[in-house]
């Protein structure tokens, strides 16, 4: 190893190499940078399916197949077969996958009540 007046040449060379590698990492890695998991969550969106008019029997499957959580709520009383008459958010909306889509379903009249 060759020693110069300012210190060993090899040490200077290694210090330069380390500086060349570490400085860009420190400069280009913002503080509080999001992890890969956080980034994937932000980018995980989907289009909410339009389920209005869908029968009660498969509305949950349609919503869940699109990557959302189905919540069923009652709408008004109707004598026909239960069906989706409204939803929130509306079909075609871009929303985070895993968020809740509410489907409003018509209900049969209570036993003994006449059909409207």
N, C-alpha and C. Protein backbone atom coordinates (compact mmCIF):
# COMPACT_ATOMS: atom_id res chain seq x y z
N UNK A 1 0.85 -1.17 0.00
CA UNK A 1 0.00 0.00 0.00
C UNK A 1 0.90 1.23 0.00
N UNK A 2 0.53 2.21 -0.76
CA UNK A 2 1.31 3.44 -0.88
C UNK A 2 0.71 4.51 0.02
N UNK A 3 1.54 5.06 0.89
CA UNK A 3 1.09 6.13 1.79
C UNK A 3 1.48 7.46 1.20
N UNK A 4 0.59 8.38 1.15
CA UNK A 4 0.91 9.73 0.71
C UNK A 4 0.83 10.66 1.91
N UNK A 5 1.18 11.89 1.71
CA UNK A 5 1.23 12.85 2.81
C UNK A 5 -0.13 13.03 3.48
N UNK A 6 -1.25 12.96 2.71
CA UNK A 6 -2.59 13.18 3.25
C UNK A 6 -3.23 11.93 3.80
N UNK A 7 -2.61 10.79 3.78
CA UNK A 7 -3.20 9.56 4.27
C UNK A 7 -3.08 8.49 3.22
N UNK A 8 -3.52 7.29 3.50
CA UNK A 8 -3.38 6.20 2.54
C UNK A 8 -4.23 6.43 1.29
N UNK A 9 -3.66 6.15 0.14
CA UNK A 9 -4.35 6.32 -1.14
C UNK A 9 -5.56 5.41 -1.24
N UNK A 10 -5.44 4.15 -0.75
CA UNK A 10 -6.55 3.21 -0.80
C UNK A 10 -7.74 3.72 0.01
N UNK A 11 -7.45 4.31 1.16
CA UNK A 11 -8.52 4.85 2.00
C UNK A 11 -9.25 5.98 1.28
N UNK A 12 -8.52 6.83 0.61
CA UNK A 12 -9.16 7.91 -0.16
C UNK A 12 -10.02 7.34 -1.29
N UNK A 13 -9.50 6.32 -1.94
CA UNK A 13 -10.24 5.71 -3.03
C UNK A 13 -11.54 5.10 -2.51
N UNK A 14 -11.47 4.36 -1.39
CA UNK A 14 -12.68 3.75 -0.83
C UNK A 14 -13.67 4.81 -0.35
N UNK A 15 -13.17 5.87 0.25
CA UNK A 15 -14.04 6.95 0.69
C UNK A 15 -14.76 7.57 -0.50
N UNK A 16 -14.07 7.75 -1.59
CA UNK A 16 -14.68 8.30 -2.81
C UNK A 16 -15.74 7.38 -3.38
N UNK A 17 -15.47 6.08 -3.37
CA UNK A 17 -16.43 5.11 -3.87
C UNK A 17 -17.68 5.11 -2.99
N UNK A 18 -17.50 5.08 -1.68
CA UNK A 18 -18.64 5.10 -0.77
C UNK A 18 -19.46 6.37 -0.93
N UNK A 19 -18.78 7.49 -1.08
CA UNK A 19 -19.49 8.75 -1.26
C UNK A 19 -20.29 8.74 -2.56
N UNK A 20 -19.71 8.15 -3.61
CA UNK A 20 -20.40 8.10 -4.90
C UNK A 20 -21.65 7.23 -4.83
N UNK A 21 -21.64 6.22 -3.95
CA UNK A 21 -22.79 5.33 -3.83
C UNK A 21 -23.81 5.88 -2.84
N UNK A 22 -23.37 6.40 -1.70
CA UNK A 22 -24.29 6.81 -0.64
C UNK A 22 -24.96 8.15 -0.88
N UNK A 23 -24.25 9.11 -1.44
CA UNK A 23 -24.81 10.44 -1.62
C UNK A 23 -26.06 10.42 -2.50
N UNK A 24 -26.03 9.73 -3.65
CA UNK A 24 -27.28 9.69 -4.44
C UNK A 24 -28.44 9.05 -3.68
N UNK A 25 -28.15 8.04 -2.86
CA UNK A 25 -29.21 7.41 -2.10
C UNK A 25 -29.83 8.38 -1.10
N UNK A 26 -29.00 9.16 -0.47
CA UNK A 26 -29.49 10.12 0.52
C UNK A 26 -30.21 11.29 -0.14
N UNK A 27 -29.73 11.70 -1.29
CA UNK A 27 -30.32 12.85 -1.97
C UNK A 27 -31.66 12.49 -2.61
N UNK A 28 -31.76 11.30 -3.21
CA UNK A 28 -32.95 10.95 -3.96
C UNK A 28 -33.98 10.14 -3.18
N UNK A 29 -33.70 9.80 -1.94
CA UNK A 29 -34.67 9.09 -1.11
C UNK A 29 -35.31 10.11 -0.19
N UNK A 30 -36.52 10.60 -0.51
CA UNK A 30 -37.15 11.62 0.32
C UNK A 30 -37.47 11.08 1.71
N UNK A 31 -37.40 11.97 2.68
CA UNK A 31 -37.74 11.54 4.03
C UNK A 31 -39.22 11.22 4.08
N UNK A 32 -39.56 10.18 4.79
CA UNK A 32 -40.96 9.76 4.88
C UNK A 32 -41.46 9.14 3.60
N UNK A 33 -40.54 8.62 2.77
CA UNK A 33 -40.96 7.99 1.53
C UNK A 33 -41.86 6.81 1.83
N UNK A 34 -42.85 6.62 0.99
CA UNK A 34 -43.81 5.54 1.20
C UNK A 34 -43.16 4.20 0.92
N UNK A 35 -43.53 3.22 1.69
CA UNK A 35 -43.04 1.87 1.44
C UNK A 35 -43.77 1.30 0.24
N UNK A 36 -43.28 0.17 -0.27
CA UNK A 36 -43.91 -0.46 -1.43
C UNK A 36 -45.36 -0.83 -1.11
N UNK A 37 -45.63 -1.24 0.13
CA UNK A 37 -46.99 -1.61 0.52
C UNK A 37 -47.91 -0.40 0.48
N UNK A 38 -47.45 0.74 0.97
CA UNK A 38 -48.28 1.95 0.96
C UNK A 38 -48.56 2.39 -0.46
N UNK A 39 -47.59 2.29 -1.33
CA UNK A 39 -47.77 2.71 -2.72
C UNK A 39 -48.80 1.82 -3.40
N UNK A 40 -48.73 0.51 -3.16
CA UNK A 40 -49.67 -0.38 -3.81
C UNK A 40 -51.10 -0.12 -3.35
N UNK A 41 -51.28 0.28 -2.09
CA UNK A 41 -52.61 0.58 -1.59
C UNK A 41 -53.17 1.81 -2.29
N UNK A 42 -52.33 2.84 -2.46
CA UNK A 42 -52.79 4.06 -3.12
C UNK A 42 -53.17 3.80 -4.57
N UNK A 43 -52.49 2.88 -5.22
CA UNK A 43 -52.74 2.62 -6.63
C UNK A 43 -53.82 1.57 -6.84
N UNK A 44 -54.36 0.97 -5.79
CA UNK A 44 -55.35 -0.10 -5.91
C UNK A 44 -56.75 0.48 -5.96
N UNK A 45 -57.16 0.87 -7.15
CA UNK A 45 -58.52 1.36 -7.33
C UNK A 45 -59.19 0.52 -8.40
N UNK A 46 -60.49 0.59 -8.43
CA UNK A 46 -61.25 -0.14 -9.43
C UNK A 46 -62.51 0.62 -9.77
N UNK A 47 -63.17 0.16 -10.80
CA UNK A 47 -64.42 0.76 -11.24
C UNK A 47 -65.56 0.02 -10.56
N UNK A 48 -66.41 0.77 -9.86
CA UNK A 48 -67.56 0.20 -9.17
C UNK A 48 -68.54 -0.33 -10.22
N UNK A 49 -68.95 -1.61 -10.08
CA UNK A 49 -69.90 -2.14 -11.06
C UNK A 49 -71.29 -1.55 -10.87
N UNK A 50 -72.02 -1.42 -11.97
CA UNK A 50 -73.40 -0.94 -11.90
C UNK A 50 -74.27 -2.15 -11.57
N UNK A 51 -74.85 -2.18 -10.37
CA UNK A 51 -75.67 -3.32 -9.96
C UNK A 51 -77.16 -2.98 -9.89
N UNK A 52 -77.54 -1.76 -10.25
CA UNK A 52 -78.96 -1.39 -10.24
C UNK A 52 -79.69 -2.29 -11.25
N UNK A 53 -80.78 -2.90 -10.78
CA UNK A 53 -81.54 -3.82 -11.61
C UNK A 53 -81.13 -5.28 -11.40
N UNK A 54 -80.02 -5.51 -10.71
CA UNK A 54 -79.54 -6.86 -10.44
C UNK A 54 -80.44 -7.53 -9.41
N UNK A 55 -80.61 -8.82 -9.52
CA UNK A 55 -81.43 -9.54 -8.54
C UNK A 55 -80.68 -9.63 -7.22
N UNK A 56 -81.46 -9.74 -6.16
CA UNK A 56 -80.91 -9.83 -4.81
C UNK A 56 -79.96 -11.01 -4.67
N UNK A 57 -80.25 -12.10 -5.35
CA UNK A 57 -79.49 -13.33 -5.15
C UNK A 57 -78.02 -13.24 -5.54
N UNK A 58 -77.65 -12.37 -6.48
CA UNK A 58 -76.24 -12.34 -6.88
C UNK A 58 -75.59 -10.97 -6.79
N UNK A 59 -76.23 -9.99 -6.20
CA UNK A 59 -75.65 -8.65 -6.13
C UNK A 59 -74.35 -8.65 -5.32
N UNK A 60 -74.32 -9.36 -4.23
CA UNK A 60 -73.11 -9.42 -3.41
C UNK A 60 -71.94 -10.03 -4.16
N UNK A 61 -72.22 -11.08 -4.95
CA UNK A 61 -71.17 -11.73 -5.73
C UNK A 61 -70.59 -10.79 -6.78
N UNK A 62 -71.46 -10.00 -7.42
CA UNK A 62 -71.01 -9.07 -8.46
C UNK A 62 -70.09 -8.00 -7.85
N UNK A 63 -70.50 -7.45 -6.72
CA UNK A 63 -69.71 -6.39 -6.06
C UNK A 63 -68.38 -6.96 -5.58
N UNK A 64 -68.40 -8.11 -4.94
CA UNK A 64 -67.17 -8.70 -4.40
C UNK A 64 -66.23 -9.17 -5.51
N UNK A 65 -66.76 -9.64 -6.63
CA UNK A 65 -65.91 -10.05 -7.75
C UNK A 65 -65.14 -8.88 -8.33
N UNK A 66 -65.68 -7.67 -8.17
CA UNK A 66 -65.00 -6.46 -8.66
C UNK A 66 -63.97 -5.94 -7.65
N UNK A 67 -63.89 -6.57 -6.46
CA UNK A 67 -62.88 -6.18 -5.47
C UNK A 67 -63.38 -5.27 -4.38
N UNK A 68 -64.70 -5.16 -4.23
CA UNK A 68 -65.29 -4.29 -3.22
C UNK A 68 -66.01 -5.12 -2.16
N UNK A 69 -66.41 -4.47 -1.08
CA UNK A 69 -67.19 -5.11 -0.02
C UNK A 69 -68.65 -4.73 -0.23
N UNK A 70 -69.53 -5.74 -0.22
CA UNK A 70 -70.95 -5.50 -0.45
C UNK A 70 -71.67 -5.26 0.87
N UNK A 71 -72.51 -4.24 0.89
CA UNK A 71 -73.41 -3.99 2.03
C UNK A 71 -74.81 -3.86 1.46
N UNK A 72 -75.73 -4.66 1.99
CA UNK A 72 -77.11 -4.67 1.50
C UNK A 72 -77.99 -3.92 2.50
N UNK A 73 -78.76 -2.97 1.99
CA UNK A 73 -79.69 -2.20 2.83
C UNK A 73 -81.08 -2.23 2.19
N UNK A 74 -82.11 -2.16 3.03
CA UNK A 74 -83.48 -2.18 2.48
C UNK A 74 -83.84 -0.85 1.82
N UNK A 75 -84.63 -0.98 0.76
CA UNK A 75 -85.20 0.21 0.11
C UNK A 75 -86.70 0.19 0.40
N UNK A 76 -87.52 0.54 -0.54
CA UNK A 76 -88.96 0.58 -0.31
C UNK A 76 -89.58 -0.81 -0.49
N UNK A 77 -90.85 -0.89 -0.11
CA UNK A 77 -91.61 -2.14 -0.23
C UNK A 77 -92.10 -2.29 -1.67
N UNK A 78 -91.98 -3.51 -2.19
CA UNK A 78 -92.41 -3.81 -3.55
C UNK A 78 -92.89 -5.26 -3.57
N UNK A 79 -93.87 -5.56 -4.37
CA UNK A 79 -94.41 -6.93 -4.40
C UNK A 79 -93.68 -7.83 -5.39
N UNK A 80 -92.83 -7.26 -6.20
CA UNK A 80 -92.06 -8.08 -7.15
C UNK A 80 -90.88 -8.74 -6.47
N UNK A 81 -90.10 -9.47 -7.24
CA UNK A 81 -88.92 -10.11 -6.65
C UNK A 81 -87.92 -9.05 -6.17
N UNK A 82 -87.22 -9.33 -5.09
CA UNK A 82 -86.25 -8.36 -4.57
C UNK A 82 -85.20 -8.03 -5.64
N UNK A 83 -84.92 -6.75 -5.80
CA UNK A 83 -83.94 -6.31 -6.79
C UNK A 83 -83.27 -5.04 -6.29
N UNK A 84 -82.12 -4.72 -6.88
CA UNK A 84 -81.38 -3.52 -6.52
C UNK A 84 -82.03 -2.33 -7.22
N UNK A 85 -82.40 -1.30 -6.44
CA UNK A 85 -83.03 -0.11 -7.02
C UNK A 85 -82.13 1.12 -6.92
N UNK A 86 -81.05 1.03 -6.14
CA UNK A 86 -80.11 2.14 -6.01
C UNK A 86 -78.81 1.59 -5.45
N UNK A 87 -77.74 2.35 -5.59
CA UNK A 87 -76.46 1.93 -5.04
C UNK A 87 -75.61 3.16 -4.74
N UNK A 88 -74.64 2.98 -3.86
CA UNK A 88 -73.72 4.05 -3.52
C UNK A 88 -72.35 3.44 -3.24
N UNK A 89 -71.30 3.91 -3.93
CA UNK A 89 -71.30 4.91 -5.00
C UNK A 89 -71.92 4.34 -6.28
N UNK A 90 -72.26 5.24 -7.18
CA UNK A 90 -72.91 4.84 -8.43
C UNK A 90 -71.95 4.02 -9.28
N UNK A 91 -72.53 3.16 -10.11
CA UNK A 91 -71.73 2.36 -11.03
C UNK A 91 -70.89 3.24 -11.94
N UNK A 92 -69.67 2.80 -12.21
CA UNK A 92 -68.76 3.56 -13.06
C UNK A 92 -67.82 4.47 -12.30
N UNK A 93 -68.07 4.65 -10.99
CA UNK A 93 -67.20 5.47 -10.16
C UNK A 93 -65.90 4.72 -9.89
N UNK A 94 -64.78 5.42 -9.90
CA UNK A 94 -63.49 4.82 -9.52
C UNK A 94 -63.35 4.98 -8.01
N UNK A 95 -63.10 3.85 -7.32
CA UNK A 95 -63.02 3.86 -5.86
C UNK A 95 -61.91 2.90 -5.41
N UNK A 96 -61.41 3.08 -4.19
CA UNK A 96 -60.38 2.16 -3.68
C UNK A 96 -60.93 0.74 -3.57
N UNK A 97 -60.15 -0.23 -4.04
CA UNK A 97 -60.55 -1.62 -3.88
C UNK A 97 -60.65 -1.93 -2.40
N UNK A 98 -61.64 -2.72 -2.02
CA UNK A 98 -61.86 -3.03 -0.62
C UNK A 98 -62.81 -2.08 0.07
N UNK A 99 -63.19 -0.99 -0.60
CA UNK A 99 -64.16 -0.07 0.00
C UNK A 99 -65.57 -0.65 -0.16
N UNK A 100 -66.51 -0.09 0.56
CA UNK A 100 -67.87 -0.62 0.60
C UNK A 100 -68.75 -0.03 -0.49
N UNK A 101 -69.49 -0.91 -1.15
CA UNK A 101 -70.53 -0.51 -2.11
C UNK A 101 -71.86 -0.92 -1.50
N UNK A 102 -72.74 0.04 -1.30
CA UNK A 102 -74.05 -0.22 -0.69
C UNK A 102 -75.07 -0.43 -1.80
N UNK A 103 -75.79 -1.55 -1.70
CA UNK A 103 -76.87 -1.86 -2.64
C UNK A 103 -78.19 -1.79 -1.89
N UNK A 104 -79.13 -1.01 -2.42
CA UNK A 104 -80.45 -0.86 -1.80
C UNK A 104 -81.42 -1.80 -2.51
N UNK A 105 -82.02 -2.71 -1.74
CA UNK A 105 -82.85 -3.78 -2.26
C UNK A 105 -84.32 -3.55 -1.89
N UNK A 106 -85.23 -3.79 -2.85
CA UNK A 106 -86.67 -3.71 -2.53
C UNK A 106 -87.03 -4.84 -1.57
N UNK A 107 -88.02 -4.58 -0.75
CA UNK A 107 -88.44 -5.54 0.28
C UNK A 107 -89.88 -5.97 0.04
N UNK A 108 -90.18 -7.21 0.42
CA UNK A 108 -91.56 -7.70 0.37
C UNK A 108 -92.34 -7.01 1.47
N UNK A 109 -93.64 -6.85 1.30
CA UNK A 109 -94.46 -6.28 2.39
C UNK A 109 -94.43 -7.22 3.61
N UNK A 110 -94.62 -6.65 4.78
CA UNK A 110 -94.69 -7.47 5.99
C UNK A 110 -95.88 -8.40 5.88
N UNK A 111 -95.78 -9.54 6.54
CA UNK A 111 -96.86 -10.53 6.46
C UNK A 111 -98.19 -9.90 6.87
N UNK A 112 -99.17 -10.06 6.05
CA UNK A 112 -100.49 -9.51 6.30
C UNK A 112 -100.71 -8.13 5.71
N UNK A 113 -99.63 -7.42 5.33
CA UNK A 113 -99.78 -6.11 4.71
C UNK A 113 -100.09 -6.26 3.23
N UNK A 114 -100.93 -5.37 2.68
CA UNK A 114 -101.25 -5.46 1.25
C UNK A 114 -100.06 -4.95 0.41
N UNK A 115 -100.05 -5.36 -0.83
CA UNK A 115 -99.04 -4.84 -1.76
C UNK A 115 -99.37 -3.37 -2.08
N UNK A 116 -98.36 -2.55 -2.19
CA UNK A 116 -98.64 -1.13 -2.51
C UNK A 116 -99.09 -0.95 -3.95
